[in-house]
């Protein structure tokens, strides 16, 4: 990408709008997992996207396999709370790359509380005017078990108004 100072106002606006749309994807991914909203999760990826989690759950290609990943992960880790930070996005026309970090608090199927630190290494594409993830690599920094389970019951996780 050219230095932003050398871009026209229209091009600068496009870069800013693209970064905001991509930010929504990154944070929407975390929220989709935490709220267990598979439709929202799938909408964040292009239909032919690669979702790669080496050392954790494997590699998944396309919506059908990403849906399978969702189902498998939900069995192994039924509760998650993602805290995503340090998002850096570089836009180049209809393609972009991004990196973000996340601390994830989770509960395994056996009730054990764990904490993970991961990086998301992303490729994004704008197709037919819509940004979505075309490739997400989840790089695991660490996973550690905790001595006590999380304090809230599943029923109190998201209060009803």
Protein backbone atom coordinates (compact mmCIF):
# COMPACT_ATOMS: atom_id res chain seq x y z
CA UNK A 1 0.00 0.00 0.00
CA UNK A 2 1.19 3.50 -0.79
CA UNK A 3 1.81 5.87 2.08
CA UNK A 4 -1.58 7.16 3.13
CA UNK A 5 -0.43 10.76 2.64
CA UNK A 6 -0.10 10.05 -1.10
CA UNK A 7 -3.65 8.73 -1.46
CA UNK A 8 -6.61 10.78 -2.61
CA UNK A 9 -9.32 11.69 -0.12
CA UNK A 10 -11.56 9.01 -1.63
CA UNK A 11 -8.80 6.40 -1.28
CA UNK A 12 -8.09 7.45 2.31
CA UNK A 13 -11.79 7.20 3.14
CA UNK A 14 -11.86 3.71 1.64
CA UNK A 15 -8.88 2.64 3.77
CA UNK A 16 -10.51 4.00 6.94
CA UNK A 17 -13.88 2.37 6.16
CA UNK A 18 -12.12 -0.89 5.31
CA UNK A 19 -10.21 -0.89 8.59
CA UNK A 20 -13.43 -0.28 10.52
CA UNK A 21 -15.20 -3.11 8.68
CA UNK A 22 -12.29 -5.45 9.40
CA UNK A 23 -12.24 -4.40 13.05
CA UNK A 24 -15.91 -5.43 13.23
CA UNK A 25 -14.95 -8.86 11.85
CA UNK A 26 -12.21 -9.37 14.43
CA UNK A 27 -14.32 -8.33 17.40
CA UNK A 28 -17.41 -10.02 15.95
CA UNK A 29 -15.51 -13.31 15.82
CA UNK A 30 -14.87 -13.14 19.56
CA UNK A 31 -18.46 -12.20 20.32
CA UNK A 32 -19.83 -14.94 18.04
CA UNK A 33 -17.80 -17.55 19.92
CA UNK A 34 -18.69 -16.21 23.35
CA UNK A 35 -22.40 -15.97 22.52
CA UNK A 36 -22.37 -19.28 20.64
CA UNK A 37 -23.79 -17.68 17.48
CA UNK A 38 -22.69 -19.98 14.66
CA UNK A 39 -24.49 -17.96 11.97
CA UNK A 40 -22.62 -14.80 12.95
CA UNK A 41 -19.37 -16.76 13.10
CA UNK A 42 -19.84 -18.16 9.59
CA UNK A 43 -20.74 -14.72 8.22
CA UNK A 44 -17.31 -13.44 9.30
CA UNK A 45 -15.59 -15.90 6.94
CA UNK A 46 -15.83 -16.13 3.16
CA UNK A 47 -17.50 -19.35 2.05
CA UNK A 48 -14.15 -20.80 0.89
CA UNK A 49 -12.05 -19.51 3.82
CA UNK A 50 -9.27 -21.39 5.57
CA UNK A 51 -9.48 -21.63 9.38
CA UNK A 52 -6.21 -23.02 10.70
CA UNK A 53 -5.56 -23.99 14.32
CA UNK A 54 -2.40 -26.15 14.31
CA UNK A 55 -1.70 -27.74 17.65
CA UNK A 56 -5.25 -27.08 18.85
CA UNK A 57 -8.03 -28.43 16.66
CA UNK A 58 -6.64 -28.73 13.13
CA UNK A 59 -7.35 -27.18 9.75
CA UNK A 60 -10.74 -26.39 8.28
CA UNK A 61 -11.56 -25.23 4.76
CA UNK A 62 -14.88 -23.65 3.82
CA UNK A 63 -18.11 -23.04 5.70
CA UNK A 64 -19.03 -26.73 6.04
CA UNK A 65 -15.76 -27.54 7.77
CA UNK A 66 -15.77 -24.32 9.81
CA UNK A 67 -19.23 -25.34 11.04
CA UNK A 68 -17.74 -28.73 11.98
CA UNK A 69 -14.93 -26.94 13.83
CA UNK A 70 -17.53 -24.91 15.72
CA UNK A 71 -19.36 -28.10 16.76
CA UNK A 72 -16.15 -29.91 17.78
CA UNK A 73 -14.79 -26.97 19.76
CA UNK A 74 -18.12 -26.45 21.53
CA UNK A 75 -17.96 -30.02 22.81
CA UNK A 76 -14.37 -29.65 24.03
CA UNK A 77 -14.66 -26.06 25.31
CA UNK A 78 -18.32 -25.19 25.99
CA UNK A 79 -17.68 -21.74 27.50
CA UNK A 80 -15.30 -19.02 26.30
CA UNK A 81 -14.64 -15.35 26.96
CA UNK A 82 -12.37 -13.68 24.41
CA UNK A 83 -10.50 -10.44 25.08
CA UNK A 84 -9.03 -9.33 21.76
CA UNK A 85 -6.37 -6.61 21.61
CA UNK A 86 -3.53 -5.09 19.60
CA UNK A 87 -5.27 -5.21 16.22
CA UNK A 88 -3.08 -4.00 13.35
CA UNK A 89 -4.57 -3.99 9.84
CA UNK A 90 -2.86 -3.21 6.54
CA UNK A 91 -5.23 -2.56 3.63
CA UNK A 92 -4.20 -2.91 -0.01
CA UNK A 93 -7.20 -2.39 -2.27
CA UNK A 94 -9.59 -5.33 -1.89
CA UNK A 95 -7.15 -7.33 0.21
CA UNK A 96 -5.85 -6.80 3.70
CA UNK A 97 -3.78 -8.51 6.36
CA UNK A 98 -4.16 -8.27 10.09
CA UNK A 99 -2.77 -9.47 13.35
CA UNK A 100 -4.42 -9.36 16.75
CA UNK A 101 -3.82 -10.97 20.11
CA UNK A 102 -6.38 -12.53 22.42
CA UNK A 103 -6.53 -13.72 25.98
CA UNK A 104 -9.21 -16.38 26.21
CA UNK A 105 -10.74 -17.58 29.44
CA UNK A 106 -12.51 -20.88 28.90
CA UNK A 107 -14.06 -23.89 30.55
CA UNK A 108 -13.34 -27.37 29.23
CA UNK A 109 -16.04 -30.03 29.00
CA UNK A 110 -14.77 -31.59 32.25
CA UNK A 111 -15.33 -28.26 34.07
CA UNK A 112 -11.66 -27.29 34.27
CA UNK A 113 -11.00 -23.58 33.81
CA UNK A 114 -8.21 -22.69 31.40
CA UNK A 115 -6.58 -19.57 30.01
CA UNK A 116 -5.13 -19.27 26.52
CA UNK A 117 -3.09 -16.59 24.82
CA UNK A 118 -3.27 -16.64 21.04
CA UNK A 119 -2.49 -14.53 18.00
CA UNK A 120 -4.80 -14.33 15.01
CA UNK A 121 -2.92 -13.96 11.72
CA UNK A 122 -5.55 -12.99 9.18
CA UNK A 123 -6.04 -12.40 5.49
CA UNK A 124 -9.16 -10.50 4.48
CA UNK A 125 -10.75 -9.96 1.10
CA UNK A 126 -13.47 -7.63 -0.09
CA UNK A 127 -15.73 -9.48 -2.48
CA UNK A 128 -18.82 -7.89 -3.99
CA UNK A 129 -18.28 -4.97 -1.62
CA UNK A 130 -18.17 -7.13 1.55
CA UNK A 131 -15.10 -7.70 3.72
CA UNK A 132 -14.66 -11.14 5.31
CA UNK A 133 -11.86 -13.38 6.50
CA UNK A 134 -10.32 -15.49 3.73
CA UNK A 135 -7.72 -17.11 6.00
CA UNK A 136 -7.28 -17.18 9.76
CA UNK A 137 -4.28 -18.82 11.40
CA UNK A 138 -4.57 -19.19 15.17
CA UNK A 139 -1.09 -19.19 16.70
CA UNK A 140 -1.09 -20.43 20.30
CA UNK A 141 1.27 -18.75 22.75
CA UNK A 142 0.21 -20.82 25.75
CA UNK A 143 -2.62 -22.75 27.40
CA UNK A 144 -2.68 -23.13 31.16
CA UNK A 145 -5.10 -24.74 33.57
CA UNK A 146 -6.34 -22.82 36.58
CA UNK A 147 -6.75 -24.10 40.12
CA UNK A 148 -10.39 -23.06 40.42
CA UNK A 149 -13.29 -22.95 38.00
CA UNK A 150 -14.76 -19.60 36.96
CA UNK A 151 -17.21 -18.11 39.47
CA UNK A 152 -20.34 -17.53 37.40
CA UNK A 153 -22.84 -20.21 36.61
CA UNK A 154 -23.86 -20.66 32.99
CA UNK A 155 -27.26 -19.17 33.79
CA UNK A 156 -25.73 -15.94 35.12
CA UNK A 157 -23.22 -15.53 32.28
CA UNK A 158 -25.41 -13.19 30.25
CA UNK A 159 -28.12 -11.48 32.32
CA UNK A 160 -31.52 -11.14 30.70
CA UNK A 161 -32.98 -7.63 30.61
